[in-house]
Structure formats: structure tokens, C-alpha cells
Amino acid sequence: MMYGSWGGWGWMVLMPLFWIALVGLIVWAVVAATRRPVGGAAEHQRRETPREILDRRFASGDIDAEAYTRARDQLTGTGRQSS
């Protein structure tokens, strides 16, 4: 009496493939979970300070020298206060 159309031979082929796939999946998961960011990825996670944003905007030409000076003075607290 046979239990299914594959008999015992089908399971002899499928079980090693199943275990190879399972071990490969576990290895992939461990490597993916323990991998550190490569290069300067940690540097990109740091937030820019307001002064760095202002400097970047001035360097890229988003703002002119007058607006840069006014904003820089306000950031450093050396600007004139209007009353």
C-alpha cells in the first residue's frame, strides 16, 4: 500500500532541499541582522545644526550675502534687536 503518489523517493529528494533552504535562510537572517552600515552611513544620520544649514544654503546660492549675514547674526545673537 502506497501513501501518496511520490512514495518514499520523493521525500528523500525534498527533505535535504528543505533543510538546505532553511539553513540558508537562517544564515542570511543572521548576516543581515548583524551587518554594520558601510562607509559614511552613520554620518548621514546626524542632524545638521542651524549654522550648517545656513552655510550650506549660502554656498549653494539659495541666499545672498546680506541674508546670510542677517541670519548668522540672529543665530549667534549679535544682531540688532528692534523694539
N, C-alpha and C. Protein backbone atom coordinates (compact mmCIF):
# COMPACT_ATOMS: atom_id res chain seq x y z
N MET A 1 0.83 -1.16 0.00
CA MET A 1 0.00 0.00 0.00
C MET A 1 0.89 1.24 0.00
N MET A 2 0.63 2.22 -0.92
CA MET A 2 1.42 3.44 -1.02
C MET A 2 0.63 4.59 -0.41
N TYR A 3 1.33 5.43 0.28
CA TYR A 3 0.72 6.61 0.90
C TYR A 3 1.05 7.83 0.05
N GLY A 4 0.34 8.05 -1.01
CA GLY A 4 0.59 9.18 -1.90
C GLY A 4 1.30 8.71 -3.16
N SER A 5 1.34 9.62 -4.14
CA SER A 5 1.91 9.24 -5.42
C SER A 5 3.43 9.27 -5.44
N TRP A 6 4.06 9.96 -4.53
CA TRP A 6 5.51 10.06 -4.53
C TRP A 6 6.17 8.88 -3.83
N GLY A 7 5.49 8.29 -2.95
CA GLY A 7 6.10 7.19 -2.21
C GLY A 7 7.21 7.72 -1.33
N GLY A 8 8.20 6.92 -1.04
CA GLY A 8 9.32 7.32 -0.19
C GLY A 8 10.40 8.06 -0.94
N TRP A 9 10.49 7.89 -2.24
CA TRP A 9 11.56 8.51 -3.03
C TRP A 9 11.42 10.02 -3.11
N GLY A 10 10.22 10.50 -3.20
CA GLY A 10 10.01 11.94 -3.29
C GLY A 10 10.48 12.67 -2.05
N TRP A 11 10.21 12.09 -0.88
CA TRP A 11 10.62 12.72 0.37
C TRP A 11 12.13 12.65 0.54
N MET A 12 12.77 11.65 -0.02
CA MET A 12 14.22 11.54 0.09
C MET A 12 14.91 12.66 -0.70
N VAL A 13 14.23 13.17 -1.72
CA VAL A 13 14.78 14.28 -2.50
C VAL A 13 14.41 15.62 -1.87
N LEU A 14 13.17 15.75 -1.41
CA LEU A 14 12.69 17.03 -0.91
C LEU A 14 13.24 17.41 0.47
N MET A 15 13.42 16.46 1.34
CA MET A 15 13.86 16.79 2.70
C MET A 15 15.25 17.41 2.73
N PRO A 16 16.24 16.91 2.01
CA PRO A 16 17.55 17.60 2.02
C PRO A 16 17.44 19.01 1.44
N LEU A 17 16.65 19.21 0.40
CA LEU A 17 16.47 20.54 -0.18
C LEU A 17 15.81 21.48 0.83
N PHE A 18 14.85 20.97 1.56
CA PHE A 18 14.18 21.76 2.59
C PHE A 18 15.17 22.22 3.65
N TRP A 19 16.01 21.32 4.14
CA TRP A 19 16.96 21.66 5.19
C TRP A 19 18.05 22.61 4.68
N ILE A 20 18.48 22.44 3.44
CA ILE A 20 19.47 23.35 2.87
C ILE A 20 18.87 24.76 2.77
N ALA A 21 17.62 24.85 2.31
CA ALA A 21 16.96 26.15 2.20
C ALA A 21 16.76 26.77 3.58
N LEU A 22 16.39 26.00 4.56
CA LEU A 22 16.17 26.51 5.92
C LEU A 22 17.47 27.03 6.53
N VAL A 23 18.55 26.28 6.39
CA VAL A 23 19.84 26.72 6.93
C VAL A 23 20.31 27.98 6.20
N GLY A 24 20.13 28.03 4.89
CA GLY A 24 20.49 29.23 4.13
C GLY A 24 19.71 30.45 4.57
N LEU A 25 18.43 30.27 4.85
CA LEU A 25 17.60 31.38 5.31
C LEU A 25 18.05 31.88 6.68
N ILE A 26 18.41 30.97 7.56
CA ILE A 26 18.88 31.36 8.89
C ILE A 26 20.20 32.11 8.79
N VAL A 27 21.12 31.62 7.96
CA VAL A 27 22.41 32.30 7.79
C VAL A 27 22.20 33.69 7.22
N TRP A 28 21.33 33.82 6.22
CA TRP A 28 21.05 35.13 5.63
C TRP A 28 20.48 36.09 6.67
N ALA A 29 19.55 35.61 7.51
CA ALA A 29 18.93 36.46 8.53
C ALA A 29 19.95 36.92 9.56
N VAL A 30 20.86 36.05 9.96
CA VAL A 30 21.88 36.43 10.94
C VAL A 30 22.84 37.46 10.35
N VAL A 31 23.26 37.26 9.11
CA VAL A 31 24.17 38.21 8.46
C VAL A 31 23.49 39.56 8.28
N ALA A 32 22.23 39.57 7.84
CA ALA A 32 21.51 40.82 7.63
C ALA A 32 21.29 41.57 8.95
N ALA A 33 21.07 40.84 10.03
CA ALA A 33 20.81 41.48 11.32
C ALA A 33 22.07 42.03 11.97
N THR A 34 23.23 41.47 11.66
CA THR A 34 24.45 41.90 12.33
C THR A 34 25.33 42.78 11.46
N ARG A 35 24.92 43.05 10.23
CA ARG A 35 25.74 43.86 9.33
C ARG A 35 25.72 45.31 9.77
N ARG A 36 26.90 45.94 9.78
CA ARG A 36 27.02 47.35 10.13
C ARG A 36 26.91 48.18 8.86
N PRO A 37 26.48 49.42 8.99
CA PRO A 37 26.43 50.29 7.81
C PRO A 37 27.83 50.49 7.25
N VAL A 38 27.94 50.51 5.94
CA VAL A 38 29.23 50.65 5.28
C VAL A 38 29.47 52.11 4.95
N GLY A 39 30.71 52.54 5.07
CA GLY A 39 31.08 53.89 4.67
C GLY A 39 30.59 54.94 5.64
N GLY A 40 30.08 56.04 5.10
CA GLY A 40 29.66 57.17 5.91
C GLY A 40 28.18 57.15 6.24
N ALA A 41 27.56 56.00 6.32
CA ALA A 41 26.13 55.95 6.59
C ALA A 41 25.80 56.53 7.96
N ALA A 42 26.68 56.34 8.94
CA ALA A 42 26.43 56.89 10.27
C ALA A 42 26.50 58.41 10.24
N GLU A 43 27.32 58.95 9.35
CA GLU A 43 27.45 60.40 9.25
C GLU A 43 26.17 61.03 8.72
N HIS A 44 25.45 60.35 7.83
CA HIS A 44 24.23 60.90 7.26
C HIS A 44 23.08 60.90 8.26
N GLN A 45 23.19 60.14 9.33
CA GLN A 45 22.12 60.08 10.32
C GLN A 45 22.19 61.27 11.28
N ARG A 46 23.31 61.97 11.32
CA ARG A 46 23.48 63.11 12.21
C ARG A 46 22.69 64.29 11.65
N ARG A 47 22.00 65.00 12.51
CA ARG A 47 21.22 66.16 12.08
C ARG A 47 22.14 67.36 11.94
N GLU A 48 21.86 68.18 10.94
CA GLU A 48 22.63 69.40 10.72
C GLU A 48 22.24 70.45 11.76
N THR A 49 23.22 71.22 12.16
CA THR A 49 22.93 72.34 13.05
C THR A 49 22.37 73.49 12.21
N PRO A 50 21.69 74.43 12.85
CA PRO A 50 21.17 75.58 12.09
C PRO A 50 22.28 76.33 11.34
N ARG A 51 23.45 76.45 11.94
CA ARG A 51 24.57 77.14 11.29
C ARG A 51 25.03 76.36 10.05
N GLU A 52 25.08 75.06 10.13
CA GLU A 52 25.48 74.25 8.97
C GLU A 52 24.47 74.37 7.84
N ILE A 53 23.20 74.43 8.19
CA ILE A 53 22.16 74.61 7.17
C ILE A 53 22.32 75.96 6.49
N LEU A 54 22.55 76.99 7.30
CA LEU A 54 22.74 78.34 6.76
C LEU A 54 23.97 78.39 5.85
N ASP A 55 25.07 77.80 6.29
CA ASP A 55 26.29 77.78 5.48
C ASP A 55 26.06 77.04 4.17
N ARG A 56 25.36 75.92 4.23
CA ARG A 56 25.09 75.13 3.02
C ARG A 56 24.21 75.92 2.05
N ARG A 57 23.19 76.59 2.56
CA ARG A 57 22.30 77.37 1.70
C ARG A 57 23.05 78.54 1.04
N PHE A 58 23.94 79.17 1.79
CA PHE A 58 24.73 80.27 1.22
C PHE A 58 25.69 79.74 0.15
N ALA A 59 26.33 78.62 0.45
CA ALA A 59 27.29 78.05 -0.50
C ALA A 59 26.61 77.59 -1.79
N SER A 60 25.37 77.13 -1.70
CA SER A 60 24.67 76.65 -2.90
C SER A 60 23.98 77.79 -3.66
N GLY A 61 23.99 79.00 -3.09
CA GLY A 61 23.40 80.14 -3.78
C GLY A 61 21.92 80.34 -3.50
N ASP A 62 21.37 79.67 -2.51
CA ASP A 62 19.96 79.85 -2.16
C ASP A 62 19.69 81.22 -1.56
N ILE A 63 20.66 81.74 -0.82
CA ILE A 63 20.51 83.06 -0.20
C ILE A 63 21.72 83.91 -0.57
N ASP A 64 21.53 85.23 -0.54
CA ASP A 64 22.64 86.14 -0.87
C ASP A 64 23.42 86.48 0.40
N ALA A 65 24.50 87.27 0.22
CA ALA A 65 25.39 87.59 1.33
C ALA A 65 24.68 88.38 2.43
N GLU A 66 23.78 89.28 2.04
CA GLU A 66 23.07 90.09 3.03
C GLU A 66 22.15 89.22 3.90
N ALA A 67 21.41 88.33 3.26
CA ALA A 67 20.52 87.44 4.02
C ALA A 67 21.34 86.49 4.89
N TYR A 68 22.49 86.07 4.39
CA TYR A 68 23.36 85.18 5.17
C TYR A 68 23.87 85.90 6.42
N THR A 69 24.32 87.12 6.24
CA THR A 69 24.86 87.87 7.38
C THR A 69 23.77 88.13 8.42
N ARG A 70 22.58 88.53 7.96
CA ARG A 70 21.48 88.77 8.91
C ARG A 70 21.13 87.50 9.68
N ALA A 71 21.00 86.39 8.97
CA ALA A 71 20.63 85.13 9.63
C ALA A 71 21.73 84.65 10.57
N ARG A 72 22.98 84.82 10.16
CA ARG A 72 24.09 84.40 11.02
C ARG A 72 24.12 85.23 12.30
N ASP A 73 23.88 86.54 12.16
CA ASP A 73 23.87 87.40 13.34
C ASP A 73 22.72 87.03 14.27
N GLN A 74 21.58 86.68 13.72
CA GLN A 74 20.46 86.26 14.57
C GLN A 74 20.77 84.95 15.27
N LEU A 75 21.41 84.03 14.57
CA LEU A 75 21.75 82.75 15.20
C LEU A 75 22.75 82.89 16.33
N THR A 76 23.71 83.78 16.14
CA THR A 76 24.74 83.95 17.17
C THR A 76 24.35 84.94 18.24
N GLY A 77 23.24 85.67 18.01
CA GLY A 77 22.78 86.61 19.00
C GLY A 77 23.48 87.95 18.95
N THR A 78 24.20 88.23 17.87
CA THR A 78 24.92 89.50 17.77
C THR A 78 24.17 90.52 16.93
N GLY A 79 23.02 90.14 16.42
CA GLY A 79 22.24 91.06 15.58
C GLY A 79 21.56 92.12 16.42
N ARG A 80 21.17 93.23 15.74
CA ARG A 80 20.46 94.29 16.44
C ARG A 80 19.03 93.87 16.71
N GLN A 81 18.56 94.19 17.87
CA GLN A 81 17.19 93.86 18.26
C GLN A 81 16.32 95.08 18.01
N SER A 82 15.21 94.87 17.29
CA SER A 82 14.30 96.00 17.10
C SER A 82 13.30 96.06 18.23
N SER A 83 12.93 97.31 18.60
CA SER A 83 11.98 97.43 19.70
C SER A 83 10.68 97.99 19.23
